[in-house]
């Protein structure tokens, strides 16, 4: 049996067991070596949010590419940084300037 036949058979069995097609395809990419997971730290959504300084809602809105491990999403930092470096048009993303919050007369923030 050729490799293509094996992958097709595994794909058919897993989709027949009602696994989501995207999970099946990701698993087959890992098995074929297309996605290399060796010695790569995969970040959880919480870790990525802390690292980038964003909320979970912002992370969800950004629709960054993730790898699904079981029911959990994991993010490859190299892929995330490459995605953040360029927007849809291929132009570099300009970081926003820091926004200063208004302060009270005593110097305390609101």
Protein backbone atom coordinates (compact mmCIF):
# COMPACT_ATOMS: atom_id res chain seq x y z
CA UNK A 1 0.00 0.00 0.00
CA UNK A 2 1.41 3.40 -0.97
CA UNK A 3 1.67 6.28 1.48
CA UNK A 4 -1.09 8.21 -0.29
CA UNK A 5 -3.40 5.21 0.06
CA UNK A 6 -2.54 4.89 3.76
CA UNK A 7 -3.22 8.55 4.47
CA UNK A 8 -6.45 8.42 2.49
CA UNK A 9 -7.57 5.33 4.44
CA UNK A 10 -6.70 6.90 7.81
CA UNK A 11 -8.47 10.11 6.79
CA UNK A 12 -11.60 8.21 5.76
CA UNK A 13 -11.67 6.22 9.01
CA UNK A 14 -11.21 9.29 11.22
CA UNK A 15 -13.78 11.36 9.34
CA UNK A 16 -16.14 8.37 9.55
CA UNK A 17 -15.70 8.55 13.34
CA UNK A 18 -16.86 12.20 13.20
CA UNK A 19 -13.49 13.80 13.90
CA UNK A 20 -13.40 17.35 12.54
CA UNK A 21 -11.75 17.42 9.14
CA UNK A 22 -9.31 20.18 10.13
CA UNK A 23 -8.05 18.07 13.07
CA UNK A 24 -7.60 15.04 10.84
CA UNK A 25 -5.64 17.07 8.28
CA UNK A 26 -3.40 18.56 10.98
CA UNK A 27 -2.71 15.11 12.43
CA UNK A 28 -1.80 13.76 9.00
CA UNK A 29 0.54 16.72 8.39
CA UNK A 30 2.32 15.99 11.67
CA UNK A 31 2.59 12.29 10.85
CA UNK A 32 3.95 12.99 7.37
CA UNK A 33 6.55 15.42 8.75
CA UNK A 34 5.02 18.43 7.03
CA UNK A 35 4.63 20.05 10.46
CA UNK A 36 7.65 19.55 12.72
CA UNK A 37 6.77 19.57 16.40
CA UNK A 38 10.12 18.41 17.75
CA UNK A 39 11.75 20.78 20.23
CA UNK A 40 9.27 23.57 19.51
CA UNK A 41 7.51 25.09 22.48
CA UNK A 42 3.83 25.44 21.72
CA UNK A 43 2.11 28.20 23.65
CA UNK A 44 -1.33 28.01 25.16
CA UNK A 45 -3.73 30.89 24.46
CA UNK A 46 -3.14 32.21 27.99
CA UNK A 47 0.65 32.16 27.55
CA UNK A 48 0.42 33.86 24.16
CA UNK A 49 -1.89 36.56 25.52
CA UNK A 50 0.51 37.29 28.38
CA UNK A 51 3.47 37.39 26.02
CA UNK A 52 1.77 39.74 23.54
CA UNK A 53 -0.05 41.77 26.20
CA UNK A 54 -3.49 41.21 24.68
CA UNK A 55 -6.80 39.83 25.88
CA UNK A 56 -8.29 36.47 24.91
CA UNK A 57 -10.92 38.33 22.89
CA UNK A 58 -8.24 40.14 20.90
CA UNK A 59 -6.45 36.85 20.28
CA UNK A 60 -9.69 35.32 19.02
CA UNK A 61 -10.31 38.31 16.72
CA UNK A 62 -6.79 38.10 15.28
CA UNK A 63 -7.46 34.55 14.04
CA UNK A 64 -3.84 33.50 14.32
CA UNK A 65 -2.93 30.05 12.99
CA UNK A 66 -3.08 27.46 15.75
CA UNK A 67 -2.42 23.76 16.12
CA UNK A 68 -5.17 21.82 17.83
CA UNK A 69 -3.92 19.25 20.32
CA UNK A 70 -6.93 17.31 21.54
CA UNK A 71 -9.41 20.01 22.46
CA UNK A 72 -6.72 22.61 23.18
CA UNK A 73 -5.27 25.19 20.82
CA UNK A 74 -1.52 25.70 20.80
CA UNK A 75 0.42 28.42 19.01
CA UNK A 76 3.86 28.15 17.40
CA UNK A 77 5.68 31.36 18.26
CA UNK A 78 7.61 31.45 14.95
CA UNK A 79 4.38 31.27 12.94
CA UNK A 80 2.65 33.85 15.15
CA UNK A 81 5.53 36.33 14.86
CA UNK A 82 5.70 35.88 11.08
CA UNK A 83 1.95 36.49 10.85
CA UNK A 84 2.15 39.57 13.05
CA UNK A 85 5.07 40.99 11.07
CA UNK A 86 2.93 41.34 7.95
CA UNK A 87 -0.70 42.21 7.53
CA UNK A 88 -2.99 40.94 4.79
CA UNK A 89 -1.52 43.29 2.16
CA UNK A 90 2.01 42.08 2.87
CA UNK A 91 3.04 45.42 4.35
CA UNK A 92 4.69 45.49 7.79
CA UNK A 93 2.30 46.26 10.62
CA UNK A 94 3.05 49.53 12.40
CA UNK A 95 2.82 49.25 16.18
CA UNK A 96 0.31 51.54 17.83
CA UNK A 97 1.56 54.36 19.93
CA UNK A 98 0.98 54.10 23.65
CA UNK A 99 -2.18 55.82 24.80
CA UNK A 100 -1.88 57.98 27.90
CA UNK A 101 -4.83 57.85 30.24
CA UNK A 102 -6.08 61.12 31.72
CA UNK A 103 -5.01 61.67 35.32
CA UNK A 104 -6.65 63.40 38.21
CA UNK A 105 -5.21 66.60 39.61
CA UNK A 106 -3.32 64.70 42.31
CA UNK A 107 -1.55 62.61 39.69
CA UNK A 108 -3.60 59.49 40.29
CA UNK A 109 -4.92 57.71 37.24
CA UNK A 110 -8.66 57.30 36.82
